[in-house]
PDB file of N, CA and C in Angstrom:
ATOM      1  N   MET A   1      40.500  43.816 -11.865  1.00  0.00           N
ATOM      2  CA  MET A   1      41.698  45.472 -10.958  1.00  0.00           C
ATOM      3  C   MET A   1      42.310  44.490  -9.834  1.00  0.00           C
ATOM      4  N   SER A   2      43.520  43.947  -8.929  1.00  0.00           N
ATOM      5  CA  SER A   2      43.977  43.211  -8.393  1.00  0.00           C
ATOM      6  C   SER A   2      44.034  43.822  -6.965  1.00  0.00           C
ATOM      7  N   LYS A   3      43.942  43.288  -6.198  1.00  0.00           N
ATOM      8  CA  LYS A   3      43.410  43.352  -4.458  1.00  0.00           C
ATOM      9  C   LYS A   3      45.162  43.875  -3.636  1.00  0.00           C
ATOM     10  N   LYS A   4      44.711  44.908  -3.373  1.00  0.00           N
ATOM     11  CA  LYS A   4      45.705  46.269  -2.610  1.00  0.00           C
ATOM     12  C   LYS A   4      46.462  44.542  -1.324  1.00  0.00           C
ATOM     13  N   PRO A   5      47.896  44.095  -1.391  1.00  0.00           N
ATOM     14  CA  PRO A   5      48.333  43.806  -0.415  1.00  0.00           C
ATOM     15  C   PRO A   5      48.215  43.892   0.861  1.00  0.00           C
ATOM     16  N   LYS A   6      47.816  43.288   2.061  1.00  0.00           N
ATOM     17  CA  LYS A   6      47.700  43.251   3.784  1.00  0.00           C
ATOM     18  C   LYS A   6      49.221  43.744   3.977  1.00  0.00           C
ATOM     19  N   ILE A   7      49.225  45.212   4.619  1.00  0.00           N
ATOM     20  CA  ILE A   7      49.926  45.399   5.178  1.00  0.00           C
ATOM     21  C   ILE A   7      50.235  45.044   7.440  1.00  0.00           C
ATOM     22  N   LYS A   8      51.640  44.924   7.521  1.00  0.00           N
ATOM     23  CA  LYS A   8      51.152  44.995   8.758  1.00  0.00           C
ATOM     24  C   LYS A   8      52.480  45.892   9.628  1.00  0.00           C
ATOM     25  N   ILE A   9      52.139  46.044  10.973  1.00  0.00           N
ATOM     26  CA  ILE A   9      53.343  47.255  10.994  1.00  0.00           C
ATOM     27  C   ILE A   9      52.972  46.567  12.711  1.00  0.00           C
ATOM     28  N   THR A  10      54.543  46.508  13.121  1.00  0.00           N
ATOM     29  CA  THR A  10      54.960  46.206  14.443  1.00  0.00           C
ATOM     30  C   THR A  10      55.527  47.299  14.755  1.00  0.00           C
ATOM     31  N   LEU A  11      55.494  47.358  16.190  1.00  0.00           N
ATOM     32  CA  LEU A  11      56.447  47.986  17.126  1.00  0.00           C
ATOM     33  C   LEU A  11      57.647  47.151  17.572  1.00  0.00           C
ATOM     34  N   VAL A  12      59.194  47.235  16.497  1.00  0.00           N
ATOM     35  CA  VAL A  12      60.109  46.460  16.842  1.00  0.00           C
ATOM     36  C   VAL A  12      60.865  47.341  18.248  1.00  0.00           C
ATOM     37  N   ASP A  13      61.113  48.183  18.617  1.00  0.00           N
ATOM     38  CA  ASP A  13      62.458  49.078  19.171  1.00  0.00           C
ATOM     39  C   ASP A  13      61.773  50.044  19.566  1.00  0.00           C
ATOM     40  N   ARG A  14      62.259  50.726  20.813  1.00  0.00           N
ATOM     41  CA  ARG A  14      62.162  51.805  21.498  1.00  0.00           C
ATOM     42  C   ARG A  14      63.611  52.721  21.732  1.00  0.00           C
ATOM     43  N   LYS A  15      63.583  53.837  21.329  1.00  0.00           N
ATOM     44  CA  LYS A  15      65.184  54.879  20.805  1.00  0.00           C
ATOM     45  C   LYS A  15      65.313  55.733  21.701  1.00  0.00           C
ATOM     46  N   GLY A  16      64.207  56.543  22.561  1.00  0.00           N
ATOM     47  CA  GLY A  16      63.790  57.121  23.005  1.00  0.00           C
ATOM     48  C   GLY A  16      63.929  57.374  24.739  1.00  0.00           C
ATOM     49  N   PRO A  17      63.799  57.899  25.800  1.00  0.00           N
ATOM     50  CA  PRO A  17      63.643  58.162  27.027  1.00  0.00           C
ATOM     51  C   PRO A  17      62.578  57.923  27.633  1.00  0.00           C
ATOM     52  N   CYS A  18      61.404  57.624  26.857  1.00  0.00           N
ATOM     53  CA  CYS A  18      60.365  58.358  27.263  1.00  0.00           C
ATOM     54  C   CYS A  18      59.200  57.673  27.117  1.00  0.00           C
ATOM     55  N   ALA A  19      58.186  56.809  27.601  1.00  0.00           N
ATOM     56  CA  ALA A  19      57.306  55.542  27.334  1.00  0.00           C
ATOM     57  C   ALA A  19      56.376  56.321  26.286  1.00  0.00           C
ATOM     58  N   CYS A  20      55.502  55.272  25.275  1.00  0.00           N
ATOM     59  CA  CYS A  20      55.016  56.163  24.152  1.00  0.00           C
ATOM     60  C   CYS A  20      53.618  56.386  24.686  1.00  0.00           C
ATOM     61  N   HIS A  21      53.193  58.380  24.216  1.00  0.00           N
ATOM     62  CA  HIS A  21      52.180  58.723  24.868  1.00  0.00           C
ATOM     63  C   HIS A  21      50.708  58.178  24.449  1.00  0.00           C
ATOM     64  N   ARG A  22      50.932  57.298  23.424  1.00  0.00           N
ATOM     65  CA  ARG A  22      49.969  56.717  23.261  1.00  0.00           C
ATOM     66  C   ARG A  22      49.463  55.440  23.219  1.00  0.00           C
ATOM     67  N   GLY A  23      50.754  54.917  24.377  1.00  0.00           N
ATOM     68  CA  GLY A  23      50.926  53.536  25.147  1.00  0.00           C
ATOM     69  C   GLY A  23      51.286  52.090  24.293  1.00  0.00           C
ATOM     70  N   HIS A  24      51.717  52.996  23.221  1.00  0.00           N
ATOM     71  CA  HIS A  24      51.721  51.475  22.299  1.00  0.00           C
ATOM     72  C   HIS A  24      53.441  50.658  23.190  1.00  0.00           C
ATOM     73  N   CYS A  25      53.728  49.508  22.905  1.00  0.00           N
ATOM     74  CA  CYS A  25      54.584  49.147  23.897  1.00  0.00           C
ATOM     75  C   CYS A  25      55.202  48.025  22.325  1.00  0.00           C
ATOM     76  N   ILE A  26      56.649  47.730  22.931  1.00  0.00           N
ATOM     77  CA  ILE A  26      57.169  46.944  21.722  1.00  0.00           C
ATOM     78  C   ILE A  26      56.346  45.771  21.726  1.00  0.00           C
ATOM     79  N   GLY A  27      56.225  44.637  20.181  1.00  0.00           N
ATOM     80  CA  GLY A  27      55.257  43.682  20.150  1.00  0.00           C
ATOM     81  C   GLY A  27      54.307  43.996  19.678  1.00  0.00           C
ATOM     82  N   ASP A  28      53.789  45.324  19.760  1.00  0.00           N
ATOM     83  CA  ASP A  28      52.159  45.823  19.298  1.00  0.00           C
ATOM     84  C   ASP A  28      52.529  45.650  17.900  1.00  0.00           C
ATOM     85  N   VAL A  29      50.970  44.728  17.250  1.00  0.00           N
ATOM     86  CA  VAL A  29      51.076  44.950  15.526  1.00  0.00           C
ATOM     87  C   VAL A  29      49.662  45.108  15.248  1.00  0.00           C
ATOM     88  N   PHE A  30      50.056  46.078  14.383  1.00  0.00           N
ATOM     89  CA  PHE A  30      48.398  46.464  13.978  1.00  0.00           C
ATOM     90  C   PHE A  30      48.517  46.541  12.242  1.00  0.00           C
ATOM     91  N   ASP A  31      47.322  45.453  11.869  1.00  0.00           N
ATOM     92  CA  ASP A  31      46.858  45.339  10.518  1.00  0.00           C
ATOM     93  C   ASP A  31      46.144  46.537  10.080  1.00  0.00           C
ATOM     94  N   TYR A  32      47.201  47.067   9.110  1.00  0.00           N
ATOM     95  CA  TYR A  32      46.666  48.352   8.337  1.00  0.00           C
ATOM     96  C   TYR A  32      45.229  48.463   7.999  1.00  0.00           C
ATOM     97  N   ASP A  33      44.612  47.586   7.668  1.00  0.00           N
ATOM     98  CA  ASP A  33      43.169  47.743   6.980  1.00  0.00           C
ATOM     99  C   ASP A  33      42.546  47.428   8.226  1.00  0.00           C
ATOM    100  N   GLU A  34      42.643  46.632   9.031  1.00  0.00           N
ATOM    101  CA  GLU A  34      41.318  46.298  10.135  1.00  0.00           C
ATOM    102  C   GLU A  34      41.843  47.498  11.525  1.00  0.00           C
ATOM    103  N   GLU A  35      42.665  48.100  11.804  1.00  0.00           N
ATOM    104  CA  GLU A  35      43.207  48.845  12.589  1.00  0.00           C
ATOM    105  C   GLU A  35      44.250  50.160  13.054  1.00  0.00           C
ATOM    106  N   ARG A  36      44.124  50.273  11.899  1.00  0.00           N
ATOM    107  CA  ARG A  36      44.784  52.055  11.439  1.00  0.00           C
ATOM    108  C   ARG A  36      44.839  52.810  12.341  1.00  0.00           C
ATOM    109  N   GLY A  37      43.345  52.567  13.166  1.00  0.00           N
ATOM    110  CA  GLY A  37      42.990  53.697  13.868  1.00  0.00           C
ATOM    111  C   GLY A  37      43.720  53.847  15.231  1.00  0.00           C
ATOM    112  N   ARG A  38      44.440  52.350  15.485  1.00  0.00           N
ATOM    113  CA  ARG A  38      44.867  51.840  17.007  1.00  0.00           C
ATOM    114  C   ARG A  38      46.284  53.017  17.226  1.00  0.00           C
ATOM    115  N   LEU A  39      46.920  52.755  15.821  1.00  0.00           N
ATOM    116  CA  LEU A  39      48.337  53.346  15.155  1.00  0.00           C
ATOM    117  C   LEU A  39      48.296  54.173  16.194  1.00  0.00           C
ATOM    118  N   CYS A  40      49.283  54.899  16.241  1.00  0.00           N
ATOM    119  CA  CYS A  40      49.206  56.815  16.754  1.00  0.00           C
ATOM    120  C   CYS A  40      49.056  57.711  15.353  1.00  0.00           C
ATOM    121  N   PRO A  41      48.515  58.313  15.628  1.00  0.00           N
ATOM    122  CA  PRO A  41      48.456  59.481  14.309  1.00  0.00           C
ATOM    123  C   PRO A  41      49.764  60.195  14.032  1.00  0.00           C
ATOM    124  N   MET A  42      50.787  59.927  14.402  1.00  0.00           N
ATOM    125  CA  MET A  42      52.029  60.949  14.063  1.00  0.00           C
ATOM    126  C   MET A  42      52.459  59.562  13.768  1.00  0.00           C
ATOM    127  N   ALA A  43      52.575  58.771  14.216  1.00  0.00           N
ATOM    128  CA  ALA A  43      53.928  57.506  13.571  1.00  0.00           C
ATOM    129  C   ALA A  43      52.635  56.731  12.678  1.00  0.00           C
ATOM    130  N   MET A  44      51.563  57.313  11.802  1.00  0.00           N
ATOM    131  CA  MET A  44      50.656  56.906  11.311  1.00  0.00           C
ATOM    132  C   MET A  44      50.953  57.646   9.591  1.00  0.00           C
ATOM    133  N   HIS A  45      51.492  59.289  10.428  1.00  0.00           N
ATOM    134  CA  HIS A  45      51.525  59.917   9.367  1.00  0.00           C
ATOM    135  C   HIS A  45      53.045  59.721   8.421  1.00  0.00           C
ATOM    136  N   VAL A  46      53.847  58.949   9.045  1.00  0.00           N
ATOM    137  CA  VAL A  46      55.243  58.842   8.878  1.00  0.00           C
ATOM    138  C   VAL A  46      54.835  57.293   7.743  1.00  0.00           C
ATOM    139  N   ALA A  47      54.107  56.678   8.255  1.00  0.00           N
ATOM    140  CA  ALA A  47      54.052  54.989   7.442  1.00  0.00           C
ATOM    141  C   ALA A  47      53.259  55.530   6.233  1.00  0.00           C
ATOM    142  N   PHE A  48      52.428  56.313   6.449  1.00  0.00           N
ATOM    143  CA  PHE A  48      51.748  55.571   5.228  1.00  0.00           C
ATOM    144  C   PHE A  48      51.790  56.167   3.779  1.00  0.00           C
ATOM    145  N   PRO A  49      53.176  57.457   3.214  1.00  0.00           N
ATOM    146  CA  PRO A  49      53.646  57.053   2.208  1.00  0.00           C
ATOM    147  C   PRO A  49      54.652  55.895   1.770  1.00  0.00           C
ATOM    148  N   TYR A  50      55.072  55.126   3.039  1.00  0.00           N
ATOM    149  CA  TYR A  50      55.563  53.964   2.515  1.00  0.00           C
ATOM    150  C   TYR A  50      54.210  52.994   2.315  1.00  0.00           C
ATOM    151  N   ILE A  51      53.458  52.910   3.115  1.00  0.00           N
ATOM    152  CA  ILE A  51      52.712  51.993   2.864  1.00  0.00           C
ATOM    153  C   ILE A  51      51.772  51.984   1.414  1.00  0.00           C
ATOM    154  N   ASP A  52      51.807  53.323   1.016  1.00  0.00           N
ATOM    155  CA  ASP A  52      50.942  53.341  -0.504  1.00  0.00           C
ATOM    156  C   ASP A  52      51.971  52.984  -1.637  1.00  0.00           C
ATOM    157  N   ILE A  53      53.618  52.870  -1.507  1.00  0.00           N
ATOM    158  CA  ILE A  53      54.504  52.526  -2.212  1.00  0.00           C
ATOM    159  C   ILE A  53      54.320  50.715  -2.473  1.00  0.00           C
ATOM    160  N   LEU A  54      54.105  50.168  -1.021  1.00  0.00           N
ATOM    161  CA  LEU A  54      54.213  48.733  -0.527  1.00  0.00           C
ATOM    162  C   LEU A  54      52.665  48.264  -1.683  1.00  0.00           C
ATOM    163  N   ARG A  55      51.817  49.081  -1.326  1.00  0.00           N
ATOM    164  CA  ARG A  55      50.183  48.382  -1.857  1.00  0.00           C
ATOM    165  C   ARG A  55      50.163  48.804  -3.321  1.00  0.00           C
ATOM    166  N   TYR A  56      50.999  49.893  -4.220  1.00  0.00           N
ATOM    167  CA  TYR A  56      51.373  50.110  -5.741  1.00  0.00           C
ATOM    168  C   TYR A  56      52.567  49.559  -6.224  1.00  0.00           C
ATOM    169  N   GLY A  57      53.248  48.205  -5.603  1.00  0.00           N
ATOM    170  CA  GLY A  57      53.983  47.483  -6.583  1.00  0.00           C
ATOM    171  C   GLY A  57      54.967  48.122  -6.467  1.00  0.00           C
ATOM    172  N   GLY A  58      55.752  49.188  -5.052  1.00  0.00           N
ATOM    173  CA  GLY A  58      56.898  49.491  -5.560  1.00  0.00           C
ATOM    174  C   GLY A  58      58.139  48.981  -4.163  1.00  0.00           C
ATOM    175  N   THR A  59      59.189  49.129  -3.886  1.00  0.00           N
ATOM    176  CA  THR A  59      59.620  48.059  -2.992  1.00  0.00           C
ATOM    177  C   THR A  59      60.394  48.949  -1.595  1.00  0.00           C
ATOM    178  N   LEU A  60      61.138  48.988  -0.731  1.00  0.00           N
ATOM    179  CA  LEU A  60      61.296  50.187   0.044  1.00  0.00           C
ATOM    180  C   LEU A  60      62.519  49.542  -0.030  1.00  0.00           C
ATOM    181  N   PRO A  61      63.712  50.270   0.830  1.00  0.00           N
ATOM    182  CA  PRO A  61      65.015  49.700   0.978  1.00  0.00           C
ATOM    183  C   PRO A  61      65.379  48.611   2.496  1.00  0.00           C
ATOM    184  N   THR A  62      65.798  48.106   2.332  1.00  0.00           N
ATOM    185  CA  THR A  62      66.118  47.335   3.073  1.00  0.00           C
ATOM    186  C   THR A  62      66.863  47.659   4.621  1.00  0.00           C
ATOM    187  N   CYS A  63      66.701  47.936   5.606  1.00  0.00           N
ATOM    188  CA  CYS A  63      67.870  48.001   6.469  1.00  0.00           C
ATOM    189  C   CYS A  63      68.956  46.969   7.020  1.00  0.00           C
ATOM    190  N   LYS A  64      69.907  46.924   7.732  1.00  0.00           N
ATOM    191  CA  LYS A  64      70.696  45.862   8.254  1.00  0.00           C
ATOM    192  C   LYS A  64      70.166  44.518   8.381  1.00  0.00           C
ATOM    193  N   ASP A  65      68.901  44.869   8.863  1.00  0.00           N
ATOM    194  CA  ASP A  65      68.159  43.324   9.422  1.00  0.00           C
ATOM    195  C   ASP A  65      67.487  42.771   8.210  1.00  0.00           C
ATOM    196  N   GLY A  66      67.577  43.760   6.863  1.00  0.00           N
ATOM    197  CA  GLY A  66      66.720  43.020   6.050  1.00  0.00           C
ATOM    198  C   GLY A  66      65.348  43.315   5.938  1.00  0.00           C
ATOM    199  N   ASP A  67      64.868  44.071   7.093  1.00  0.00           N
ATOM    200  CA  ASP A  67      63.997  44.796   7.081  1.00  0.00           C
ATOM    201  C   ASP A  67      63.288  45.917   6.366  1.00  0.00           C
ATOM    202  N   PHE A  68      62.275  46.453   6.478  1.00  0.00           N
ATOM    203  CA  PHE A  68      61.850  48.003   5.756  1.00  0.00           C
ATOM    204  C   PHE A  68      61.376  48.609   7.864  1.00  0.00           C
ATOM    205  N   ARG A  69      61.993  49.568   8.353  1.00  0.00           N
ATOM    206  CA  ARG A  69      61.621  49.982   9.191  1.00  0.00           C
ATOM    207  C   ARG A  69      61.388  51.795   9.369  1.00  0.00           C
ATOM    208  N   PHE A  70      60.834  52.261  10.411  1.00  0.00           N
ATOM    209  CA  PHE A  70      60.607  53.680  10.246  1.00  0.00           C
ATOM    210  C   PHE A  70      60.660  54.080  11.833  1.00  0.00           C
ATOM    211  N   CYS A  71      60.518  55.594  11.854  1.00  0.00           N
ATOM    212  CA  CYS A  71      60.428  56.015  13.017  1.00  0.00           C
ATOM    213  C   CYS A  71      59.504  57.157  13.636  1.00  0.00           C
ATOM    214  N   CYS A  72      58.938  56.654  14.389  1.00  0.00           N
ATOM    215  CA  CYS A  72      58.046  57.682  14.990  1.00  0.00           C
ATOM    216  C   CYS A  72      58.531  59.687  15.493  1.00  0.00           C
ATOM    217  N   PRO A  73      58.144  60.461  14.921  1.00  0.00           N
ATOM    218  CA  PRO A  73      58.953  61.830  14.449  1.00  0.00           C
ATOM    219  C   PRO A  73      59.131  62.046  16.573  1.00  0.00           C
ATOM    220  N   ASP A  74      58.467  61.520  17.474  1.00  0.00           N
ATOM    221  CA  ASP A  74      58.093  62.028  18.645  1.00  0.00           C
ATOM    222  C   ASP A  74      59.342  61.744  19.343  1.00  0.00           C
ATOM    223  N   VAL A  75      60.757  62.874  19.363  1.00  0.00           N
ATOM    224  CA  VAL A  75      61.612  63.096  20.335  1.00  0.00           C
ATOM    225  C   VAL A  75      61.968  62.128  21.496  1.00  0.00           C
ATOM    226  N   ASP A  76      61.079  62.192  21.890  1.00  0.00           N
ATOM    227  CA  ASP A  76      61.736  61.714  23.537  1.00  0.00           C
ATOM    228  C   ASP A  76      60.895  60.467  23.082  1.00  0.00           C
ATOM    229  N   VAL A  77      59.991  59.406  22.442  1.00  0.00           N
ATOM    230  CA  VAL A  77      60.257  58.928  22.096  1.00  0.00           C
ATOM    231  C   VAL A  77      60.741  57.797  21.212  1.00  0.00           C
ATOM    232  N   ILE A  78      60.947  57.910  19.774  1.00  0.00           N
ATOM    233  CA  ILE A  78      61.420  57.062  19.045  1.00  0.00           C
ATOM    234  C   ILE A  78      60.663  55.852  18.611  1.00  0.00           C
ATOM    235  N   ASN A  79      60.216  55.605  18.902  1.00  0.00           N
ATOM    236  CA  ASN A  79      59.426  54.438  18.235  1.00  0.00           C
ATOM    237  C   ASN A  79      59.554  53.558  17.133  1.00  0.00           C
ATOM    238  N   VAL A  80      60.597  52.537  16.838  1.00  0.00           N
ATOM    239  CA  VAL A  80      60.683  52.424  15.312  1.00  0.00           C
ATOM    240  C   VAL A  80      59.527  51.123  15.060  1.00  0.00           C
ATOM    241  N   PHE A  81      58.968  50.661  13.907  1.00  0.00           N
ATOM    242  CA  PHE A  81      58.409  50.256  13.825  1.00  0.00           C
ATOM    243  C   PHE A  81      58.825  49.832  12.378  1.00  0.00           C
ATOM    244  N   ARG A  82      58.325  48.316  12.015  1.00  0.00           N
ATOM    245  CA  ARG A  82      58.900  47.797  10.831  1.00  0.00           C
ATOM    246  C   ARG A  82      57.616  47.262  10.349  1.00  0.00           C
ATOM    247  N   ILE A  83      57.669  47.579   8.927  1.00  0.00           N
ATOM    248  CA  ILE A  83      56.831  47.382   7.896  1.00  0.00           C
ATOM    249  C   ILE A  83      56.735  46.250   6.781  1.00  0.00           C
ATOM    250  N   GLU A  84      55.511  45.493   7.028  1.00  0.00           N
ATOM    251  CA  GLU A  84      55.293  44.363   6.091  1.00  0.00           C
ATOM    252  C   GLU A  84      54.395  44.112   5.514  1.00  0.00           C
ATOM    253  N   LYS A  85      54.543  43.542   3.779  1.00  0.00           N
ATOM    254  CA  LYS A  85      53.689  43.092   2.955  1.00  0.00           C
ATOM    255  C   LYS A  85      53.130  41.873   2.826  1.00  0.00           C
ATOM    256  N   ASN A  86      52.069  41.660   3.631  1.00  0.00           N
ATOM    257  CA  ASN A  86      51.641  39.803   4.038  1.00  0.00           C
ATOM    258  C   ASN A  86      51.492  39.021   2.371  1.00  0.00           C
ATOM    259  N   LYS A  87      52.131  38.714   1.991  1.00  0.00           N
ATOM    260  CA  LYS A  87      52.006  37.596   0.886  1.00  0.00           C
ATOM    261  C   LYS A  87      50.652  36.860   1.087  1.00  0.00           C
TER     262      LYS A  87
END
């Protein structure tokens, strides 16, 4: 059985008018295996299906910057996260 790849989640932007209620700031980086409890549960809920796709060999569509991004569902904050599969 092959080992699942490591996943890194980075907060890269904020689109909403309010600061993150969980205290996340642009530049925060999370190792999915080691630090998933630090990531806001609402953002984690959005990220999980994408992480699952990456871990089981799938690919995600890239954005104009060439990476994959998702947003937290808090309309006042709208943190933008990048997901990367570590090689």
